[in-house]
Amino acid sequence: MRASITPVCDTDGSIGTDSGIPSNLRKEAQFNECRDGSQRLDGDTILLEIKRRNQQQQRLNIGRVACLRKHIIFLVAMLLNLFATMAVSPKLLRLSDYQQYEGRLLFSHPKPHSNKTATLCAVVKDQQLKYIDEWADYHMALGFTGMRIYDNTDDFALKDWGKDKPYSDQIKLIHFLPDVTHNITRFPGCKSEAQSAAYMDCVKASIKQNVNWVAGFDMDEFLVLRNSTSIVDFLDEYCKFPCGQISFNWLIFGSSNRNRYVPVPVTKRFPYRVKSNLESIVKGIADPRAVDQSSYWVHTFPLKASRQWKDTSGRIFNAKPGERWKMLINSAKPQDVAVLHHYKTLSEEEWHYKNCIRKGVNGNDMRCGGKKASEELPASGGMIYDDTAWQILRDLVPSYRMYDSVEDLG
């Protein structure tokens, strides 16, 4: 025989508090049981409802405990990873410097320890305009704090460039036509007078603006730091006073068997480098106050007698201003700390234009000997796969990852 429960009803017809029915069921019960005073609640029904709701609450509690356990495990893993990082690489323990640009992440590199500044100087000519965005984004993400771009086109093609960049206030564009917009000092035996004039102008401007470092890189050169994510931190560590300049040896990249230009980043299109004697050639970054402005720039800056030129291994050079070849060469070719990736030829099509159609920044005709890019940099010593610069770019500027799936590389 089924048990039943007789509700206790108040004078107004509602179920009273002494009925023995849980308060959360009282309201539901009163409509059916107490309006006419003649109906009785089915005890089995109420007991089953109580059991169902208790089981539902238990399931909710179990789910909440499982979710809390997952969060605790995740936080413990994060803390363990943090402590491991502190033990292995304390200088990288900085909050990421995330900058938003049009709703997407632009830079994601750790903030530098140093508060010093570094300006990038470059002379840009014709065809190089199509490469400037990648080159600028790469080096600004690497920690350069400004750039002075000397536009060597007749119509000042870059006059409106960079206005949409998140670092637009750090860009200075100069229309640069030797002996037209700028007077050029001539040096006997120097074939790079126009570039030298541009870089010396950059040095003088950097001194006025109290900039700590200046670099002179071309659009086909990308600085690769092996052990640092910040150029200013790197310079603080490897070029302490009285060091006035540090130089970086080239690594030479050929055509990677590409035949034509496609609008894909250079560092993505050309991942193969070749062994070459050109790896002895260097470029430099200098303290502008250490530069001897009476001489000319040839890949490195001439220094005052009181300052030193070092390479990334700490070796000191004694080149004097005007000693052209000594300013160009480091036959030791250190590569373990930092190098300059030089994408010399690009594709066959781009190589032909560079050598047979356009003129150089210094006004001289480029040579057109009929050599193909593959002949200019033969892979007789073997091609070496090295996409380090591309990996740095896609890590520091995540928006470039959109090119990961591109298959047509020219």
Protein backbone atom coordinates (compact mmCIF):
# COMPACT_ATOMS: atom_id res chain seq x y z
CA MET A 1 0.00 0.00 0.00
CA ARG A 2 1.43 3.36 -1.03
CA ALA A 3 2.10 5.88 1.72
CA SER A 4 0.49 9.30 1.56
CA ILE A 5 1.09 12.59 3.31
CA THR A 6 -1.74 14.78 4.43
CA PRO A 7 -0.80 18.41 4.03
CA VAL A 8 -1.46 20.76 6.89
CA CYS A 9 -3.37 23.73 5.45
CA ASP A 10 -3.69 27.17 6.92
CA THR A 11 -7.04 28.96 7.03
CA ASP A 12 -6.26 30.68 3.72
CA GLY A 13 -5.86 27.34 1.97
CA SER A 14 -2.01 27.38 1.75
CA ILE A 15 0.13 24.57 3.08
CA GLY A 16 1.49 25.35 6.48
CA THR A 17 5.06 25.10 7.73
CA ASP A 18 4.30 22.05 9.86
CA SER A 19 3.28 19.91 6.93
CA GLY A 20 6.62 18.07 6.72
CA ILE A 21 6.96 19.03 3.07
CA PRO A 22 10.21 20.83 2.10
CA SER A 23 9.69 24.55 1.63
CA ASN A 24 10.81 24.42 -2.03
CA LEU A 25 7.93 22.01 -2.78
CA ARG A 26 5.31 23.70 -0.67
CA LYS A 27 4.42 26.31 -3.27
CA GLU A 28 4.08 23.70 -6.01
CA ALA A 29 1.95 21.47 -3.76
CA GLN A 30 -0.47 24.05 -2.48
CA PHE A 31 -2.29 24.62 -5.79
CA ASN A 32 -3.13 20.96 -6.24
CA GLU A 33 -3.69 19.99 -2.65
CA CYS A 34 -5.23 22.84 -0.73
CA ARG A 35 -7.63 24.82 -2.84
CA ASP A 36 -10.67 22.76 -1.91
CA GLY A 37 -9.18 21.14 1.21
CA SER A 38 -10.12 17.69 0.01
CA GLN A 39 -7.04 16.51 -1.93
CA ARG A 40 -3.99 14.81 -0.47
CA LEU A 41 -0.44 14.79 -1.73
CA ASP A 42 0.93 11.52 -3.02
CA GLY A 43 3.88 10.72 -0.71
CA ASP A 44 5.79 8.65 -3.27
CA THR A 45 5.63 11.49 -5.78
CA ILE A 46 7.07 14.01 -3.34
CA LEU A 47 9.80 11.65 -2.16
CA LEU A 48 10.85 10.92 -5.76
CA GLU A 49 10.91 14.64 -6.51
CA ILE A 50 13.07 15.26 -3.46
CA LYS A 51 15.45 12.47 -4.53
CA ARG A 52 15.62 13.80 -8.11
CA ARG A 53 16.47 17.32 -6.98
CA ASN A 54 19.08 16.08 -4.52
CA GLN A 55 20.76 14.07 -7.29
CA GLN A 56 20.68 17.10 -9.60
CA GLN A 57 22.35 19.24 -6.94
CA GLN A 58 25.00 16.58 -6.36
CA ARG A 59 25.82 16.49 -10.08
CA LEU A 60 26.16 20.28 -10.11
CA ASN A 61 28.48 20.14 -7.11
CA ILE A 62 30.61 17.43 -8.71
CA GLY A 63 30.90 19.52 -11.91
CA ARG A 64 31.93 22.59 -9.96
CA VAL A 65 34.58 20.65 -8.04
CA ALA A 66 35.98 19.19 -11.31
CA CYS A 67 36.13 22.64 -12.90
CA LEU A 68 37.86 24.08 -9.83
CA ARG A 69 40.36 21.19 -9.88
CA LYS A 70 41.22 21.94 -13.53
CA HIS A 71 41.83 25.62 -12.73
CA ILE A 72 44.07 24.70 -9.80
CA ILE A 73 46.10 22.27 -11.93
CA PHE A 74 46.49 24.96 -14.65
CA LEU A 75 47.65 27.59 -12.15
CA VAL A 76 50.14 25.18 -10.58
CA ALA A 77 51.55 24.35 -14.04
CA MET A 78 51.87 28.07 -14.82
CA LEU A 79 53.74 28.71 -11.56
CA LEU A 80 56.08 25.76 -12.13
CA ASN A 81 56.83 27.04 -15.65
CA LEU A 82 57.46 30.52 -14.25
CA PHE A 83 59.92 29.22 -11.67
CA ALA A 84 61.69 27.12 -14.33
CA THR A 85 62.02 30.19 -16.56
CA MET A 86 63.47 32.22 -13.68
CA ALA A 87 66.11 29.56 -13.11
CA VAL A 88 67.11 29.22 -16.78
CA SER A 89 66.67 32.67 -18.33
CA PRO A 90 65.94 35.46 -15.82
CA LYS A 91 66.50 38.29 -18.30
CA LEU A 92 63.50 37.19 -20.39
CA LEU A 93 61.12 37.44 -17.44
CA ARG A 94 59.38 40.62 -18.51
CA LEU A 95 55.75 41.31 -19.26
CA SER A 96 55.04 41.13 -22.98
CA ASP A 97 54.70 44.45 -24.74
CA TYR A 98 51.49 43.83 -26.63
CA GLN A 99 50.44 46.58 -29.01
CA GLN A 100 47.11 46.53 -30.79
CA TYR A 101 46.81 47.67 -34.39
CA GLU A 102 43.44 47.67 -36.15
CA GLY A 103 42.20 44.97 -33.79
CA ARG A 104 45.07 42.55 -34.34
CA LEU A 105 48.22 41.87 -32.38
CA LEU A 106 51.17 43.60 -33.98
CA PHE A 107 54.14 43.17 -31.64
CA SER A 108 54.55 40.51 -28.98
CA HIS A 109 58.11 40.84 -27.75
CA PRO A 110 59.19 41.11 -24.09
CA LYS A 111 59.80 44.65 -22.90
CA PRO A 112 63.50 45.56 -22.90
CA HIS A 113 65.35 46.03 -19.64
CA SER A 114 67.16 49.05 -21.09
CA ASN A 115 65.53 52.45 -21.53
CA LYS A 116 68.02 53.44 -24.23
CA THR A 117 67.08 54.24 -27.82
CA ALA A 118 68.23 52.97 -31.21
CA THR A 119 67.50 54.56 -34.59
CA LEU A 120 67.61 52.69 -37.88
CA CYS A 121 68.92 54.66 -40.88
CA ALA A 122 68.28 53.55 -44.46
CA VAL A 123 68.42 54.90 -48.01
CA VAL A 124 65.57 53.58 -50.18
CA LYS A 125 65.55 53.43 -53.97
CA ASP A 126 62.78 52.54 -56.47
CA GLN A 127 62.23 48.78 -56.38
CA GLN A 128 63.05 48.61 -52.67
CA LEU A 129 59.79 50.39 -51.84
CA LYS A 130 57.87 47.12 -52.07
CA TYR A 131 59.97 45.58 -49.29
CA ILE A 132 59.88 48.39 -46.74
CA ASP A 133 56.88 47.25 -44.69
CA GLU A 134 58.33 43.86 -43.81
CA TRP A 135 61.76 45.35 -43.12
CA ALA A 136 60.36 48.13 -40.91
CA ASP A 137 57.95 45.88 -38.98
CA TYR A 138 60.71 43.35 -38.36
CA HIS A 139 63.24 45.78 -36.94
CA MET A 140 60.77 47.85 -34.92
CA ALA A 141 59.55 44.60 -33.35
CA LEU A 142 63.19 43.78 -32.58
CA GLY A 143 63.30 46.87 -30.38
CA PHE A 144 64.51 49.74 -32.56
CA THR A 145 62.85 52.88 -31.25
CA GLY A 146 62.90 54.99 -34.40
CA MET A 147 63.88 55.14 -38.06
CA ARG A 148 65.06 57.77 -40.52
CA ILE A 149 64.26 56.76 -44.10
CA TYR A 150 66.04 58.64 -46.91
CA ASP A 151 63.85 58.36 -50.01
CA ASN A 152 66.01 58.45 -53.14
CA THR A 153 63.11 58.49 -55.63
CA ASP A 154 62.57 61.55 -57.83
CA ASP A 155 58.96 62.07 -56.75
CA PHE A 156 59.37 61.32 -53.02
CA ALA A 157 57.32 58.15 -53.31
CA LEU A 158 57.36 57.50 -49.55
CA LYS A 159 56.07 60.89 -48.43
CA ASP A 160 52.82 59.35 -47.13
CA TRP A 161 54.20 55.98 -46.11
CA GLY A 162 53.86 54.75 -42.53
CA LYS A 163 50.96 56.93 -41.42
CA ASP A 164 48.90 53.85 -40.59
CA LYS A 165 51.71 52.19 -38.60
CA PRO A 166 51.37 51.97 -34.81
CA TYR A 167 54.87 53.44 -34.64
CA SER A 168 54.14 56.26 -37.12
CA ASP A 169 55.40 58.89 -34.68
CA GLN A 170 58.80 57.14 -34.68
CA ILE A 171 59.28 57.42 -38.45
CA LYS A 172 61.10 60.32 -40.10
CA LEU A 173 60.94 60.47 -43.91
CA ILE A 174 63.46 62.58 -45.82
CA HIS A 175 63.46 63.25 -49.56
CA PHE A 176 67.07 62.57 -50.46
CA LEU A 177 68.51 63.50 -53.84
CA PRO A 178 72.30 64.03 -53.76
CA ASP A 179 73.30 67.58 -54.81
CA VAL A 180 69.60 68.48 -55.20
CA THR A 181 67.98 68.22 -51.79
CA HIS A 182 71.27 67.63 -49.94
CA ASN A 183 74.82 68.78 -50.50
CA ILE A 184 77.28 65.89 -50.77
CA THR A 185 80.84 65.97 -49.49
CA ARG A 186 83.17 64.21 -51.91
CA PHE A 187 85.92 61.93 -50.65
CA PRO A 188 88.70 60.72 -53.00
CA GLY A 189 88.30 57.03 -53.76
CA CYS A 190 84.91 56.77 -52.05
CA LYS A 191 82.11 55.29 -54.16
CA SER A 192 79.43 55.52 -51.48
CA GLU A 193 79.33 59.28 -50.97
CA ALA A 194 75.55 59.58 -51.20
CA GLN A 195 74.93 56.83 -48.65
CA SER A 196 77.68 58.25 -46.48
CA ALA A 197 76.02 61.69 -46.55
CA ALA A 198 72.65 60.19 -45.58
CA TYR A 199 74.09 58.22 -42.68
CA MET A 200 76.11 61.16 -41.40
CA ASP A 201 72.94 63.24 -41.50
CA CYS A 202 71.29 60.49 -39.46
CA VAL A 203 74.18 60.56 -36.97
CA LYS A 204 73.90 64.33 -36.49
CA ALA A 205 70.12 64.19 -36.07
CA SER A 206 70.46 61.33 -33.56
CA ILE A 207 72.90 63.33 -31.45
CA LYS A 208 70.46 66.28 -31.34
CA GLN A 209 67.66 63.92 -30.28
CA ASN A 210 69.85 62.24 -27.66
CA VAL A 211 69.56 58.83 -29.37
CA ASN A 212 71.95 56.22 -27.96
CA TRP A 213 72.56 54.07 -31.06
CA VAL A 214 72.36 54.34 -34.85
CA ALA A 215 72.38 51.54 -37.43
CA GLY A 216 72.81 51.70 -41.19
CA PHE A 217 71.02 48.75 -42.83
CA ASP A 218 69.64 48.23 -46.34
CA MET A 219 66.17 46.93 -47.21
CA ASP A 220 67.58 43.46 -47.96
CA GLU A 221 69.32 43.12 -44.58
CA PHE A 222 67.69 41.68 -41.46
CA LEU A 223 69.43 41.60 -38.10
CA VAL A 224 69.21 38.24 -36.31
CA LEU A 225 69.95 38.14 -32.58
CA ARG A 226 70.61 34.63 -31.30
CA ASN A 227 70.26 35.23 -27.55
CA SER A 228 68.11 38.33 -27.18
CA THR A 229 64.74 39.69 -28.23
CA SER A 230 65.73 43.35 -27.80
CA ILE A 231 68.39 45.25 -29.71
CA VAL A 232 68.89 47.83 -26.95
CA ASP A 233 69.40 45.10 -24.33
CA PHE A 234 71.81 43.38 -26.72
CA LEU A 235 73.84 46.57 -27.21
CA ASP A 236 73.95 47.23 -23.46
CA GLU A 237 75.44 43.78 -22.96
CA TYR A 238 77.86 43.52 -25.89
CA CYS A 239 79.03 47.10 -26.43
CA LYS A 240 79.80 48.66 -23.08
CA PHE A 241 81.81 51.92 -22.95
CA PRO A 242 84.41 52.61 -24.33
CA CYS A 243 82.94 50.46 -27.11
CA GLY A 244 81.53 52.87 -29.69
CA GLN A 245 80.45 50.39 -32.36
CA ILE A 246 79.62 46.72 -32.80
CA SER A 247 79.66 44.99 -36.18
CA PHE A 248 77.71 42.04 -37.58
CA ASN A 249 78.88 39.68 -40.31
CA TRP A 250 76.68 38.89 -43.28
CA LEU A 251 75.08 35.54 -43.99
CA ILE A 252 74.31 35.43 -47.71
CA PHE A 253 70.97 34.27 -49.10
CA GLY A 254 70.51 33.49 -52.79
CA SER A 255 67.49 32.97 -55.02
CA SER A 256 66.31 29.71 -53.37
CA ASN A 257 65.40 28.76 -56.97
CA ARG A 258 62.72 31.48 -57.16
CA ASN A 259 62.17 32.99 -60.59
CA ARG A 260 59.83 35.94 -60.08
CA TYR A 261 58.52 38.44 -57.59
CA VAL A 262 55.41 37.63 -55.56
CA PRO A 263 54.00 39.82 -52.75
CA VAL A 264 55.13 37.51 -49.95
CA PRO A 265 57.70 38.47 -47.27
CA VAL A 266 61.34 38.21 -48.35
CA THR A 267 62.26 36.24 -45.23
CA LYS A 268 59.58 33.68 -46.12
CA ARG A 269 60.44 33.38 -49.83
CA PHE A 270 64.19 32.86 -49.51
CA PRO A 271 65.05 30.37 -46.74
CA TYR A 272 68.28 29.03 -48.29
CA ARG A 273 71.67 30.60 -47.78
CA VAL A 274 74.94 29.74 -49.49
CA LYS A 275 78.53 29.62 -48.35
CA SER A 276 80.27 32.69 -49.73
CA ASN A 277 83.36 34.82 -49.26
CA LEU A 278 80.95 37.71 -48.76
CA GLU A 279 80.35 36.43 -45.23
CA SER A 280 83.47 38.41 -44.27
CA ILE A 281 81.64 41.69 -44.93
CA VAL A 282 80.13 43.51 -41.96
CA LYS A 283 77.67 46.25 -41.05
CA GLY A 284 77.73 48.25 -37.84
CA ILE A 285 75.65 49.88 -35.11
CA ALA A 286 77.34 52.81 -33.38
CA ASP A 287 76.97 55.34 -30.61
CA PRO A 288 76.45 58.53 -32.67
CA ARG A 289 78.63 60.53 -30.26
CA ALA A 290 81.52 58.14 -30.99
CA VAL A 291 81.41 58.75 -34.77
CA ASP A 292 84.15 60.75 -36.50
CA GLN A 293 82.06 62.98 -38.78
CA SER A 294 85.05 64.18 -40.80
CA SER A 295 85.33 60.84 -42.62
CA TYR A 296 82.88 58.68 -44.55
CA TRP A 297 80.71 55.65 -43.82
CA VAL A 298 81.49 52.34 -45.55
CA HIS A 299 79.30 49.63 -43.99
CA THR A 300 80.65 50.69 -40.59
CA PHE A 301 80.99 54.11 -38.98
CA PRO A 302 84.40 55.78 -38.62
CA LEU A 303 85.12 56.26 -34.92
CA LYS A 304 86.92 58.80 -32.81
CA ALA A 305 90.29 57.65 -31.45
CA SER A 306 88.91 57.38 -27.90
CA ARG A 307 86.28 54.77 -28.78
CA GLN A 308 86.49 51.11 -29.77
CA TRP A 309 84.96 48.98 -32.51
CA LYS A 310 84.13 45.43 -31.43
CA ASP A 311 82.56 42.42 -33.08
CA THR A 312 80.06 40.10 -31.39
CA SER A 313 82.85 37.92 -29.99
CA GLY A 314 84.44 40.91 -28.24
CA ARG A 315 87.35 41.25 -30.64
CA ILE A 316 88.60 44.85 -30.97
CA PHE A 317 89.32 46.37 -34.39
CA ASN A 318 91.77 49.18 -35.05
CA ALA A 319 90.54 50.50 -38.39
CA LYS A 320 91.17 54.22 -38.77
CA PRO A 321 88.76 56.58 -40.56
CA GLY A 322 89.32 56.32 -44.31
CA GLU A 323 90.81 52.80 -44.26
CA ARG A 324 88.13 51.52 -46.57
CA TRP A 325 88.72 47.78 -46.64
CA LYS A 326 89.42 47.52 -42.91
CA MET A 327 86.02 49.13 -42.32
CA LEU A 328 84.36 46.43 -44.44
CA ILE A 329 85.88 43.13 -43.38
CA ASN A 330 85.96 40.79 -40.40
CA SER A 331 87.55 37.57 -41.62
CA ALA A 332 86.87 35.82 -38.27
CA LYS A 333 83.16 35.75 -39.26
CA PRO A 334 81.58 35.23 -35.82
CA GLN A 335 78.02 33.91 -36.13
CA ASP A 336 77.05 32.48 -32.75
CA VAL A 337 75.70 35.67 -31.11
CA ALA A 338 74.25 37.80 -33.91
CA VAL A 339 74.40 38.04 -37.71
CA LEU A 340 72.97 40.09 -40.52
CA HIS A 341 70.92 38.09 -43.03
CA HIS A 342 71.64 39.62 -46.44
CA TYR A 343 69.12 38.67 -49.13
CA LYS A 344 71.46 39.60 -51.93
CA THR A 345 69.85 38.40 -55.15
CA LEU A 346 66.17 37.69 -54.39
CA SER A 347 64.50 36.02 -57.41
CA GLU A 348 65.94 35.90 -60.94
CA GLU A 349 63.49 38.61 -62.04
CA GLU A 350 64.37 40.92 -59.14
CA TRP A 351 68.09 40.31 -59.61
CA HIS A 352 67.87 41.33 -63.26
CA TYR A 353 66.04 44.55 -62.41
CA LYS A 354 68.50 45.39 -59.66
CA ASN A 355 71.56 44.94 -61.86
CA CYS A 356 70.39 45.85 -65.36
CA ILE A 357 67.65 48.47 -65.01
CA ARG A 358 67.86 50.62 -61.91
CA LYS A 359 70.74 52.85 -60.90
CA GLY A 360 72.45 52.75 -57.54
CA VAL A 361 71.78 55.18 -54.71
CA ASN A 362 75.14 56.80 -55.38
CA GLY A 363 74.14 57.59 -58.99
CA ASN A 364 76.30 54.93 -60.59
CA ASP A 365 75.01 52.35 -63.06
CA MET A 366 74.71 48.91 -61.57
CA ARG A 367 76.63 46.21 -63.41
CA CYS A 368 74.75 44.02 -65.86
CA GLY A 369 77.08 41.22 -66.80
CA GLY A 370 74.36 38.81 -67.83
CA LYS A 371 74.79 36.58 -64.80
CA LYS A 372 71.76 34.93 -63.35
CA ALA A 373 71.14 35.07 -59.62
CA SER A 374 72.01 31.37 -59.40
CA GLU A 375 75.33 32.14 -61.12
CA GLU A 376 76.08 35.15 -58.94
CA LEU A 377 75.72 33.00 -55.83
CA PRO A 378 76.39 29.43 -56.95
CA ALA A 379 75.37 26.73 -54.53
CA SER A 380 78.47 24.66 -55.24
CA GLY A 381 79.22 24.65 -51.52
CA GLY A 382 75.70 23.48 -50.78
CA MET A 383 72.55 25.34 -49.79
CA ILE A 384 71.79 25.68 -46.09
CA TYR A 385 68.18 25.93 -44.95
CA ASP A 386 67.92 28.84 -42.52
CA ASP A 387 64.53 30.48 -41.96
CA THR A 388 65.54 32.07 -38.65
CA ALA A 389 64.60 35.60 -39.73
CA TRP A 390 61.17 34.43 -40.89
CA GLN A 391 60.53 32.66 -37.59
CA ILE A 392 61.53 35.80 -35.69
CA LEU A 393 59.19 37.90 -37.83
CA ARG A 394 56.17 35.61 -37.42
CA ASP A 395 56.81 35.31 -33.66
CA LEU A 396 57.29 39.01 -32.98
CA VAL A 397 54.68 40.23 -35.49
CA PRO A 398 51.93 37.57 -35.41
CA SER A 399 49.93 39.16 -38.23
CA TYR A 400 52.59 37.79 -40.64
CA ARG A 401 51.47 34.25 -39.85
CA MET A 402 48.81 34.72 -42.50
CA TYR A 403 51.56 33.81 -45.00
CA ASP A 404 52.21 30.40 -43.43
CA SER A 405 49.86 28.66 -45.86
CA VAL A 406 51.00 30.50 -49.01
CA GLU A 407 52.38 28.04 -51.54
CA ASP A 408 53.28 30.27 -54.51
CA LEU A 409 56.65 31.75 -53.55
CA GLY A 410 57.73 32.70 -57.07
